[in-house]
N, C-alpha and C. Protein backbone atom coordinates (compact mmCIF):
# COMPACT_ATOMS: atom_id res chain seq x y z
N UNK A 1 0.81 -1.19 0.00
CA UNK A 1 0.00 0.00 0.00
C UNK A 1 0.86 1.26 0.00
N UNK A 2 2.00 1.24 0.70
CA UNK A 2 2.87 2.41 0.76
C UNK A 2 3.40 2.82 -0.62
N UNK A 3 3.82 1.87 -1.48
CA UNK A 3 4.27 2.28 -2.80
C UNK A 3 3.17 2.98 -3.61
N UNK A 4 1.94 2.54 -3.42
CA UNK A 4 0.82 3.16 -4.12
C UNK A 4 0.63 4.61 -3.68
N UNK A 5 0.68 4.84 -2.38
CA UNK A 5 0.54 6.20 -1.83
C UNK A 5 1.70 7.06 -2.30
N UNK A 6 2.90 6.51 -2.29
CA UNK A 6 4.07 7.25 -2.76
C UNK A 6 3.90 7.63 -4.22
N UNK A 7 3.40 6.70 -5.03
CA UNK A 7 3.18 6.98 -6.45
C UNK A 7 2.15 8.08 -6.64
N UNK A 8 1.07 8.03 -5.90
CA UNK A 8 0.03 9.06 -5.99
C UNK A 8 0.61 10.43 -5.61
N UNK A 9 1.36 10.48 -4.52
CA UNK A 9 1.96 11.75 -4.10
C UNK A 9 2.94 12.28 -5.15
N UNK A 10 3.70 11.38 -5.75
CA UNK A 10 4.63 11.77 -6.80
C UNK A 10 3.88 12.35 -8.00
N UNK A 11 2.79 11.71 -8.40
CA UNK A 11 2.00 12.20 -9.54
C UNK A 11 1.38 13.56 -9.23
N UNK A 12 0.90 13.74 -8.02
CA UNK A 12 0.33 15.03 -7.63
C UNK A 12 1.41 16.11 -7.67
N UNK A 13 2.58 15.80 -7.17
CA UNK A 13 3.70 16.75 -7.16
C UNK A 13 4.11 17.11 -8.59
N UNK A 14 4.21 16.10 -9.45
CA UNK A 14 4.58 16.36 -10.85
C UNK A 14 3.53 17.21 -11.54
N UNK A 15 2.27 16.92 -11.29
CA UNK A 15 1.19 17.70 -11.89
C UNK A 15 1.24 19.15 -11.42
N UNK A 16 1.46 19.32 -10.13
CA UNK A 16 1.55 20.66 -9.55
C UNK A 16 2.73 21.42 -10.14
N UNK A 17 3.86 20.75 -10.28
CA UNK A 17 5.05 21.37 -10.86
C UNK A 17 4.80 21.76 -12.31
N UNK A 18 4.16 20.90 -13.06
CA UNK A 18 3.85 21.19 -14.46
C UNK A 18 2.92 22.39 -14.57
N UNK A 19 1.93 22.47 -13.69
CA UNK A 19 1.00 23.60 -13.70
C UNK A 19 1.73 24.90 -13.38
N UNK A 20 2.63 24.85 -12.39
CA UNK A 20 3.40 26.06 -12.05
C UNK A 20 4.27 26.49 -13.22
N UNK A 21 4.91 25.52 -13.88
CA UNK A 21 5.75 25.84 -15.03
C UNK A 21 4.92 26.44 -16.16
N UNK A 22 3.74 25.91 -16.38
CA UNK A 22 2.86 26.44 -17.42
C UNK A 22 2.42 27.87 -17.08
N UNK A 23 2.06 28.08 -15.81
CA UNK A 23 1.67 29.42 -15.36
C UNK A 23 2.82 30.39 -15.52
N UNK A 24 4.03 29.95 -15.17
CA UNK A 24 5.22 30.81 -15.27
C UNK A 24 5.52 31.14 -16.73
N UNK A 25 5.35 30.18 -17.61
CA UNK A 25 5.57 30.42 -19.04
C UNK A 25 4.57 31.45 -19.58
N UNK A 26 3.31 31.30 -19.19
CA UNK A 26 2.28 32.25 -19.62
C UNK A 26 2.59 33.63 -19.04
N UNK A 27 3.02 33.66 -17.80
CA UNK A 27 3.37 34.94 -17.17
C UNK A 27 4.51 35.63 -17.92
N UNK A 28 5.52 34.87 -18.31
CA UNK A 28 6.64 35.42 -19.08
C UNK A 28 6.16 35.98 -20.41
N UNK A 29 5.29 35.25 -21.07
CA UNK A 29 4.72 35.73 -22.34
C UNK A 29 3.92 37.01 -22.13
N UNK A 30 3.18 37.06 -21.04
CA UNK A 30 2.37 38.25 -20.74
C UNK A 30 3.25 39.47 -20.49
N UNK A 31 4.31 39.28 -19.73
CA UNK A 31 5.23 40.40 -19.45
C UNK A 31 5.84 40.92 -20.75
N UNK A 32 6.27 40.00 -21.61
CA UNK A 32 6.86 40.41 -22.89
C UNK A 32 5.83 41.13 -23.75
N UNK A 33 4.61 40.62 -23.78
CA UNK A 33 3.55 41.21 -24.59
C UNK A 33 3.23 42.63 -24.11
N UNK A 34 3.06 42.79 -22.79
CA UNK A 34 2.75 44.11 -22.23
C UNK A 34 3.91 45.07 -22.42
N UNK A 35 5.13 44.60 -22.21
CA UNK A 35 6.30 45.45 -22.39
C UNK A 35 6.36 45.99 -23.82
N UNK A 36 6.10 45.11 -24.78
CA UNK A 36 6.13 45.53 -26.18
C UNK A 36 5.02 46.53 -26.49
N UNK A 37 3.82 46.26 -26.01
CA UNK A 37 2.67 47.13 -26.30
C UNK A 37 2.79 48.50 -25.64
N UNK A 38 3.35 48.55 -24.44
CA UNK A 38 3.42 49.82 -23.71
C UNK A 38 4.64 50.65 -24.07
N UNK A 39 5.65 50.01 -24.63
CA UNK A 39 6.88 50.71 -24.97
C UNK A 39 7.37 51.54 -23.78
N UNK A 40 7.59 50.84 -22.66
CA UNK A 40 7.99 51.50 -21.42
C UNK A 40 9.43 52.00 -21.50
N UNK A 41 9.65 53.17 -20.93
CA UNK A 41 11.02 53.65 -20.78
C UNK A 41 11.66 52.84 -19.65
N UNK A 42 12.98 52.83 -19.55
CA UNK A 42 13.61 52.09 -18.44
C UNK A 42 13.12 52.55 -17.07
N UNK A 43 12.95 53.85 -16.90
CA UNK A 43 12.47 54.37 -15.61
C UNK A 43 11.04 53.91 -15.35
N UNK A 44 10.18 53.98 -16.37
CA UNK A 44 8.80 53.53 -16.20
C UNK A 44 8.76 52.04 -15.85
N UNK A 45 9.53 51.25 -16.57
CA UNK A 45 9.55 49.80 -16.34
C UNK A 45 10.00 49.49 -14.91
N UNK A 46 11.03 50.19 -14.44
CA UNK A 46 11.56 49.95 -13.11
C UNK A 46 10.51 50.22 -12.03
N UNK A 47 9.69 51.23 -12.23
CA UNK A 47 8.66 51.57 -11.25
C UNK A 47 7.38 50.77 -11.46
N UNK A 48 7.07 50.48 -12.73
CA UNK A 48 5.80 49.83 -13.07
C UNK A 48 5.74 48.36 -12.66
N UNK A 49 6.77 47.58 -13.00
CA UNK A 49 6.68 46.13 -12.84
C UNK A 49 6.48 45.67 -11.40
N UNK A 50 7.13 46.25 -10.40
CA UNK A 50 6.83 45.80 -9.03
C UNK A 50 5.37 46.05 -8.63
N UNK A 51 4.82 47.18 -9.05
CA UNK A 51 3.42 47.49 -8.75
C UNK A 51 2.50 46.53 -9.49
N UNK A 52 2.80 46.29 -10.76
CA UNK A 52 1.97 45.39 -11.57
C UNK A 52 2.04 43.96 -11.04
N UNK A 53 3.23 43.52 -10.68
CA UNK A 53 3.38 42.15 -10.17
C UNK A 53 2.60 41.94 -8.87
N UNK A 54 2.62 42.92 -7.99
CA UNK A 54 1.86 42.82 -6.74
C UNK A 54 0.36 42.78 -7.05
N UNK A 55 -0.08 43.63 -7.98
CA UNK A 55 -1.48 43.64 -8.40
C UNK A 55 -1.88 42.30 -9.00
N UNK A 56 -1.06 41.79 -9.90
CA UNK A 56 -1.35 40.53 -10.58
C UNK A 56 -1.44 39.38 -9.58
N UNK A 57 -0.58 39.40 -8.58
CA UNK A 57 -0.60 38.35 -7.55
C UNK A 57 -1.89 38.41 -6.74
N UNK A 58 -2.31 39.61 -6.37
CA UNK A 58 -3.56 39.77 -5.61
C UNK A 58 -4.76 39.28 -6.42
N UNK A 59 -4.82 39.67 -7.68
CA UNK A 59 -5.92 39.26 -8.54
C UNK A 59 -5.94 37.74 -8.68
N UNK A 60 -4.76 37.15 -8.90
CA UNK A 60 -4.68 35.70 -9.04
C UNK A 60 -5.19 35.00 -7.78
N UNK A 61 -4.82 35.51 -6.63
CA UNK A 61 -5.25 34.87 -5.37
C UNK A 61 -6.77 34.92 -5.22
N UNK A 62 -7.38 36.05 -5.50
CA UNK A 62 -8.84 36.15 -5.37
C UNK A 62 -9.51 35.23 -6.39
N UNK A 63 -9.04 35.28 -7.62
CA UNK A 63 -9.66 34.44 -8.66
C UNK A 63 -9.45 32.96 -8.41
N UNK A 64 -8.25 32.57 -8.05
CA UNK A 64 -7.94 31.15 -7.93
C UNK A 64 -8.41 30.55 -6.61
N UNK A 65 -8.44 31.33 -5.56
CA UNK A 65 -8.82 30.77 -4.27
C UNK A 65 -10.29 31.00 -3.95
N UNK A 66 -10.74 32.23 -4.07
CA UNK A 66 -12.12 32.52 -3.66
C UNK A 66 -13.12 32.22 -4.77
N UNK A 67 -12.98 32.88 -5.89
CA UNK A 67 -13.98 32.72 -6.95
C UNK A 67 -14.05 31.29 -7.47
N UNK A 68 -12.90 30.65 -7.63
CA UNK A 68 -12.90 29.26 -8.11
C UNK A 68 -13.63 28.37 -7.13
N UNK A 69 -13.42 28.60 -5.82
CA UNK A 69 -14.09 27.80 -4.80
C UNK A 69 -15.60 27.98 -4.88
N UNK A 70 -16.06 29.21 -5.04
CA UNK A 70 -17.50 29.48 -5.10
C UNK A 70 -18.11 28.89 -6.37
N UNK A 71 -17.41 29.04 -7.48
CA UNK A 71 -17.92 28.48 -8.74
C UNK A 71 -18.01 26.96 -8.66
N UNK A 72 -17.01 26.34 -8.07
CA UNK A 72 -17.01 24.88 -7.92
C UNK A 72 -18.18 24.45 -7.04
N UNK A 73 -18.40 25.19 -5.97
CA UNK A 73 -19.51 24.86 -5.07
C UNK A 73 -20.85 25.00 -5.79
N UNK A 74 -20.98 26.02 -6.61
CA UNK A 74 -22.21 26.20 -7.38
C UNK A 74 -22.42 25.02 -8.33
N UNK A 75 -21.34 24.64 -9.04
CA UNK A 75 -21.47 23.53 -10.00
C UNK A 75 -21.82 22.22 -9.32
N UNK A 76 -21.20 21.95 -8.19
CA UNK A 76 -21.40 20.64 -7.56
C UNK A 76 -22.62 20.56 -6.67
N UNK A 77 -23.06 21.67 -6.09
CA UNK A 77 -24.15 21.63 -5.11
C UNK A 77 -25.42 22.36 -5.53
N UNK A 78 -25.47 22.85 -6.75
CA UNK A 78 -26.59 23.70 -7.17
C UNK A 78 -27.94 23.02 -6.94
N UNK A 79 -28.09 21.80 -7.40
CA UNK A 79 -29.39 21.12 -7.29
C UNK A 79 -29.83 20.89 -5.86
N UNK A 80 -28.89 20.62 -4.97
CA UNK A 80 -29.22 20.32 -3.57
C UNK A 80 -29.22 21.57 -2.68
N UNK A 81 -28.85 22.71 -3.24
CA UNK A 81 -28.68 23.93 -2.47
C UNK A 81 -30.03 24.53 -2.07
N UNK A 82 -30.15 24.90 -0.80
CA UNK A 82 -31.36 25.60 -0.36
C UNK A 82 -31.28 27.06 -0.80
N UNK A 83 -32.38 27.74 -0.70
CA UNK A 83 -32.42 29.16 -1.06
C UNK A 83 -31.49 29.97 -0.15
N UNK A 84 -31.45 29.63 1.12
CA UNK A 84 -30.58 30.33 2.06
C UNK A 84 -29.11 30.07 1.75
N UNK A 85 -28.76 28.83 1.45
CA UNK A 85 -27.39 28.50 1.08
C UNK A 85 -26.98 29.23 -0.20
N UNK A 86 -27.90 29.33 -1.14
CA UNK A 86 -27.63 30.05 -2.39
C UNK A 86 -27.40 31.53 -2.11
N UNK A 87 -28.20 32.08 -1.24
CA UNK A 87 -28.06 33.51 -0.88
C UNK A 87 -26.71 33.77 -0.22
N UNK A 88 -26.31 32.89 0.69
CA UNK A 88 -25.01 33.03 1.37
C UNK A 88 -23.87 32.92 0.35
N UNK A 89 -23.96 31.95 -0.52
CA UNK A 89 -22.92 31.76 -1.54
C UNK A 89 -22.87 32.96 -2.48
N UNK A 90 -24.01 33.46 -2.87
CA UNK A 90 -24.06 34.64 -3.74
C UNK A 90 -23.43 35.85 -3.06
N UNK A 91 -23.67 36.01 -1.77
CA UNK A 91 -23.05 37.11 -1.01
C UNK A 91 -21.54 36.96 -0.97
N UNK A 92 -21.06 35.73 -0.77
CA UNK A 92 -19.62 35.50 -0.77
C UNK A 92 -19.02 35.81 -2.14
N UNK A 93 -19.70 35.38 -3.18
CA UNK A 93 -19.24 35.63 -4.55
C UNK A 93 -19.17 37.14 -4.82
N UNK A 94 -20.22 37.85 -4.43
CA UNK A 94 -20.25 39.30 -4.64
C UNK A 94 -19.17 40.01 -3.84
N UNK A 95 -18.89 39.53 -2.64
CA UNK A 95 -17.82 40.11 -1.83
C UNK A 95 -16.47 39.93 -2.52
N UNK A 96 -16.24 38.75 -3.10
CA UNK A 96 -14.99 38.50 -3.83
C UNK A 96 -14.90 39.40 -5.06
N UNK A 97 -16.01 39.59 -5.74
CA UNK A 97 -16.01 40.48 -6.92
C UNK A 97 -15.73 41.93 -6.50
N UNK A 98 -16.28 42.33 -5.37
CA UNK A 98 -16.00 43.68 -4.85
C UNK A 98 -14.52 43.81 -4.49
N UNK A 99 -13.95 42.76 -3.94
CA UNK A 99 -12.53 42.76 -3.61
C UNK A 99 -11.70 42.95 -4.88
N UNK A 100 -12.08 42.26 -5.95
CA UNK A 100 -11.38 42.43 -7.23
C UNK A 100 -11.49 43.87 -7.72
N UNK A 101 -12.68 44.43 -7.59
CA UNK A 101 -12.87 45.83 -8.02
C UNK A 101 -11.98 46.77 -7.19
N UNK A 102 -11.91 46.52 -5.89
CA UNK A 102 -11.08 47.35 -5.02
C UNK A 102 -9.60 47.21 -5.39
N UNK A 103 -9.16 46.01 -5.68
CA UNK A 103 -7.77 45.78 -6.10
C UNK A 103 -7.48 46.54 -7.38
N UNK A 104 -8.41 46.49 -8.34
CA UNK A 104 -8.25 47.21 -9.60
C UNK A 104 -8.21 48.72 -9.39
N UNK A 105 -9.07 49.21 -8.52
CA UNK A 105 -9.11 50.65 -8.25
C UNK A 105 -7.80 51.11 -7.61
N UNK A 106 -7.31 50.37 -6.64
CA UNK A 106 -6.05 50.72 -5.99
C UNK A 106 -4.89 50.67 -6.99
N UNK A 107 -4.89 49.66 -7.83
CA UNK A 107 -3.84 49.54 -8.84
C UNK A 107 -3.88 50.75 -9.78
N UNK A 108 -5.06 51.13 -10.22
CA UNK A 108 -5.18 52.29 -11.11
C UNK A 108 -4.63 53.56 -10.46
N UNK A 109 -4.93 53.74 -9.18
CA UNK A 109 -4.43 54.91 -8.46
C UNK A 109 -2.90 54.92 -8.40
N UNK A 110 -2.31 53.74 -8.21
CA UNK A 110 -0.86 53.65 -8.12
C UNK A 110 -0.20 53.81 -9.48
N UNK A 111 -0.76 53.14 -10.49
CA UNK A 111 -0.09 53.11 -11.79
C UNK A 111 -0.19 54.46 -12.52
N UNK A 112 -1.23 55.23 -12.24
CA UNK A 112 -1.36 56.54 -12.88
C UNK A 112 -0.29 57.51 -12.38
N UNK A 113 0.32 57.19 -11.25
CA UNK A 113 1.43 58.00 -10.74
C UNK A 113 2.74 57.63 -11.40
N UNK A 114 2.74 56.49 -12.11
CA UNK A 114 3.96 55.99 -12.75
C UNK A 114 3.94 56.20 -14.25
N UNK A 115 2.77 55.94 -14.85
CA UNK A 115 2.64 56.00 -16.31
C UNK A 115 1.67 57.10 -16.73
N UNK A 116 1.85 57.62 -17.94
CA UNK A 116 0.86 58.56 -18.48
C UNK A 116 -0.48 57.84 -18.67
N UNK A 117 -1.56 58.60 -18.62
CA UNK A 117 -2.90 58.03 -18.73
C UNK A 117 -3.08 57.20 -19.99
N UNK A 118 -2.50 57.65 -21.11
CA UNK A 118 -2.64 56.89 -22.37
C UNK A 118 -1.99 55.52 -22.26
N UNK A 119 -0.88 55.43 -21.53
CA UNK A 119 -0.24 54.12 -21.36
C UNK A 119 -1.06 53.23 -20.41
N UNK A 120 -1.73 53.83 -19.46
CA UNK A 120 -2.60 53.05 -18.57
C UNK A 120 -3.75 52.45 -19.37
N UNK A 121 -4.31 53.26 -20.25
CA UNK A 121 -5.37 52.76 -21.14
C UNK A 121 -4.81 51.66 -22.05
N UNK A 122 -3.61 51.89 -22.58
CA UNK A 122 -2.98 50.89 -23.44
C UNK A 122 -2.72 49.59 -22.67
N UNK A 123 -2.42 49.70 -21.39
CA UNK A 123 -2.23 48.52 -20.56
C UNK A 123 -3.50 47.69 -20.51
N UNK A 124 -4.64 48.34 -20.29
CA UNK A 124 -5.91 47.63 -20.24
C UNK A 124 -6.18 46.93 -21.58
N UNK A 125 -5.90 47.62 -22.67
CA UNK A 125 -6.09 47.04 -24.00
C UNK A 125 -5.14 45.86 -24.19
N UNK A 126 -3.89 46.02 -23.78
CA UNK A 126 -2.89 44.96 -23.93
C UNK A 126 -3.28 43.72 -23.13
N UNK A 127 -3.78 43.91 -21.91
CA UNK A 127 -4.21 42.77 -21.11
C UNK A 127 -5.36 42.02 -21.78
N UNK A 128 -6.31 42.77 -22.30
CA UNK A 128 -7.44 42.14 -23.01
C UNK A 128 -6.96 41.42 -24.25
N UNK A 129 -6.09 42.06 -25.02
CA UNK A 129 -5.55 41.43 -26.23
C UNK A 129 -4.77 40.16 -25.90
N UNK A 130 -3.99 40.20 -24.83
CA UNK A 130 -3.22 39.03 -24.43
C UNK A 130 -4.16 37.88 -24.05
N UNK A 131 -5.19 38.19 -23.27
CA UNK A 131 -6.14 37.15 -22.86
C UNK A 131 -6.84 36.54 -24.08
N UNK A 132 -7.21 37.37 -25.04
CA UNK A 132 -7.82 36.86 -26.27
C UNK A 132 -6.85 35.95 -27.02
N UNK A 133 -5.61 36.39 -27.10
CA UNK A 133 -4.59 35.61 -27.81
C UNK A 133 -4.38 34.26 -27.12
N UNK A 134 -4.33 34.25 -25.79
CA UNK A 134 -4.16 32.99 -25.06
C UNK A 134 -5.36 32.07 -25.25
N UNK A 135 -6.55 32.64 -25.27
CA UNK A 135 -7.76 31.84 -25.49
C UNK A 135 -7.75 31.22 -26.89
N UNK A 136 -7.33 32.00 -27.88
CA UNK A 136 -7.22 31.47 -29.25
C UNK A 136 -6.19 30.34 -29.31
N UNK A 137 -5.07 30.51 -28.62
CA UNK A 137 -4.04 29.47 -28.59
C UNK A 137 -4.56 28.20 -27.92
N UNK A 138 -5.30 28.39 -26.86
CA UNK A 138 -5.87 27.24 -26.15
C UNK A 138 -6.86 26.49 -27.05
N UNK A 139 -7.70 27.24 -27.76
CA UNK A 139 -8.65 26.63 -28.68
C UNK A 139 -7.92 25.90 -29.80
N UNK A 140 -6.87 26.53 -30.34
CA UNK A 140 -6.11 25.92 -31.41
C UNK A 140 -5.45 24.63 -30.93
N UNK A 141 -4.85 24.67 -29.75
CA UNK A 141 -4.19 23.47 -29.20
C UNK A 141 -5.21 22.36 -28.97
N UNK A 142 -6.39 22.72 -28.53
CA UNK A 142 -7.44 21.73 -28.31
C UNK A 142 -7.87 21.11 -29.63
N UNK A 143 -8.03 21.96 -30.65
CA UNK A 143 -8.42 21.47 -31.98
C UNK A 143 -7.36 20.54 -32.55
N UNK A 144 -6.09 20.88 -32.35
CA UNK A 144 -4.99 20.07 -32.85
C UNK A 144 -4.93 18.70 -32.19
N UNK A 145 -5.40 18.60 -30.96
CA UNK A 145 -5.41 17.32 -30.25
C UNK A 145 -6.48 16.38 -30.79
N UNK A 146 -7.54 16.97 -31.33
CA UNK A 146 -8.66 16.13 -31.80
C UNK A 146 -8.34 15.45 -33.06
């Protein structure tokens, strides 16, 4: 039985490592994409990236820990959920969405002190474009597997 448990733990660790590597690769692509689109000066880049990285980490935590948990609970328990349980879950979901809005608002206040307004707008466009590009790549990779 111990070799089986060891094998399972090894597979979980490998899967986790692969996911982290994939996330890191996507993050590297995102940084390069945003850097190219914003055409940051060295001074802007030096001030911008620490603020952006902290923002990105906060957003990832809310999305991956809170929102994912609530969405999973909705998918798995929707049919058995009482009206009160649904109301509580909806309140939790809305609180997480408000937290995301607050994170975005704080980030905007910080980044406007570093970059000109037009570059801040370009950042929002670049993030959207990057997400679209990644979604297209994901769809293409899925199609290629079929």
